[in-house]
Protein backbone atom coordinates (compact mmCIF):
# COMPACT_ATOMS: atom_id res chain seq x y z
CA MET A 1 -0.17 0.26 0.02
CA SER A 2 2.18 3.29 -0.87
CA LEU A 3 0.89 6.83 0.39
CA THR A 4 -0.99 9.19 -0.61
CA LYS A 5 -0.60 12.68 -0.55
CA GLN A 6 -3.02 13.67 2.39
CA ASP A 7 -1.26 10.70 4.17
CA ILE A 8 2.16 12.35 3.96
CA GLY A 9 0.69 15.65 5.28
CA GLU A 10 -0.84 14.69 7.97
CA ILE A 11 2.25 12.27 9.16
CA LYS A 12 3.57 14.86 8.70
CA THR A 13 1.03 17.33 11.21
CA VAL A 14 1.48 14.57 13.44
CA VAL A 15 5.42 14.37 13.58
CA ASN A 16 5.65 18.27 13.81
CA ASP A 17 3.17 17.81 16.54
CA VAL A 18 4.93 15.92 18.62
CA VAL A 19 8.24 17.74 17.75
CA GLU A 20 7.40 20.52 18.82
CA ASN A 21 5.07 19.71 21.61
CA LYS A 22 8.96 17.29 22.78
CA ILE A 23 10.72 20.38 22.25
CA ASP A 24 8.58 22.64 24.27
CA LYS A 25 8.45 20.49 27.10
CA PHE A 26 12.03 20.16 26.65
CA ALA A 27 12.82 23.90 26.91
CA ILE A 28 9.67 24.32 30.23
CA VAL A 29 12.45 20.83 31.76
CA VAL A 30 15.80 23.15 30.57
CA ALA A 31 13.93 26.13 31.85
CA ARG A 32 13.76 24.75 35.34
CA GLY A 33 16.88 23.72 35.95
CA PHE A 34 18.44 26.53 34.90
CA GLU A 35 16.59 28.40 37.96
CA GLU A 36 17.23 25.47 40.31
CA VAL A 37 20.56 26.19 39.49
CA GLN A 38 20.13 29.93 40.01
CA GLU A 39 18.21 30.00 43.24
CA LYS A 40 21.68 27.09 44.49
CA LEU A 41 24.10 29.90 43.37
CA LYS A 42 21.89 32.32 45.22
CA GLU A 43 22.75 30.42 47.62
CA HIS A 44 26.48 29.67 47.25
CA ASP A 45 26.78 33.31 46.94
CA LYS A 46 25.21 33.91 50.52
CA ARG A 47 26.99 31.44 52.23
CA PHE A 48 30.12 32.63 50.31
CA ASP A 49 29.06 36.32 51.74
CA ALA A 50 29.14 35.07 55.28
CA VAL A 51 32.90 33.27 55.12
CA ASP A 52 33.95 36.38 53.93
CA LYS A 53 32.64 38.79 56.94
CA HIS A 54 34.50 35.77 58.84
CA PHE A 55 37.74 36.35 57.05
CA ASP A 56 37.40 40.43 57.30
CA LYS A 57 36.94 39.52 61.13
CA ASN A 58 39.95 37.25 61.02
CA ASP A 59 41.68 40.03 59.21
CA SER A 60 40.89 42.52 61.95
CA ALA A 61 41.78 40.43 64.82
CA HIS A 62 45.21 39.91 62.75
CA ARG A 63 45.82 43.73 62.27
CA SER A 64 44.80 44.42 65.75
CA ILE A 65 47.17 41.57 66.72
CA ASN A 66 50.29 42.52 64.87
CA ALA A 67 50.36 46.34 66.50
CA ARG A 68 50.29 44.63 69.56
CA LEU A 69 53.06 42.54 69.11
CA ASP A 70 55.13 45.54 67.50
CA LEU A 71 53.65 47.61 70.56
CA ILE A 72 55.78 45.06 72.81
CA GLU A 73 57.91 44.57 70.28
CA THR A 74 59.01 48.13 70.45
CA ASP A 75 59.00 47.92 74.55
CA LEU A 76 61.24 45.19 74.64
CA SER A 77 63.79 47.34 72.34
CA ASN A 78 63.83 49.77 74.65
CA ILE A 79 63.73 47.76 77.75
CA ARG A 80 67.67 46.45 76.54
CA ASN A 81 68.63 49.60 75.59
CA LEU A 82 67.76 50.58 78.84
CA GLN A 83 69.52 48.05 80.32
CA ASN A 84 72.50 48.25 77.96
CA GLU A 85 72.91 51.75 79.26
CA VAL A 86 72.45 50.42 83.28
CA ARG A 87 75.50 48.31 82.35
CA HIS A 88 77.29 51.15 80.86
CA ILE A 89 76.99 53.31 83.40
CA ARG A 90 77.86 50.56 86.63
CA ASP A 91 81.68 50.40 84.01
CA LEU A 92 81.53 54.24 84.32
CA LEU A 93 81.62 54.00 88.00
CA SER A 94 83.43 51.88 88.50
CA VAL A 95 86.51 53.81 87.04
CA VAL A 96 84.81 57.50 87.51
CA THR A 97 87.53 59.78 89.31
CA THR A 98 86.02 62.75 90.96
CA ARG A 99 83.51 62.79 93.22
CA THR A 100 80.96 64.59 91.09
CA GLU A 101 81.23 62.50 88.06
CA PHE A 102 80.25 59.86 90.32
CA SER A 103 76.98 61.42 91.46
CA LYS A 104 75.80 62.56 88.01
CA LEU A 105 76.18 58.90 87.19
CA GLU A 106 74.69 57.56 90.03
CA ALA A 107 71.29 60.49 89.50
CA ARG A 108 71.92 59.02 85.59
CA LEU A 109 71.93 55.51 87.15
CA ILE A 110 68.39 56.07 89.42
CA LYS A 111 66.90 57.67 87.05
CA VAL A 112 67.23 54.76 84.21
CA GLU A 113 66.63 51.57 86.89
CA ARG A 114 63.05 53.62 88.32
CA HIS A 115 62.45 53.57 84.61
CA LEU A 116 63.28 49.66 84.22
CA GLY A 117 61.56 49.61 87.96
CA ILE A 118 64.61 48.62 89.16
CA ALA A 119 65.19 50.76 91.43
CA LYS A 120 67.46 50.21 95.43
């Protein structure tokens, strides 16, 4: 049995309807998929924002700690310098020839020792 033009036309119509219907359904499925992906990306963006805030807090704390360490290093350096000065003054006191020089060095030593908190 051979197909007539009308049969072929009807077949084409049915096939086109089926294909268009499937394409429309597929397009809907793809669109929904993209919407789901978009929603997931929004959730991830929110999570990354929370992580960024956490790192900002850590960065601020890190800067604060660094500033405190810098201050401590400066204080330690000053203390070392004062201790060296005490040693130097003590050395000078052992070889001083006049009472005036001795009194000046002793006054300077007492001042440095008070600053260090080790005054006699």
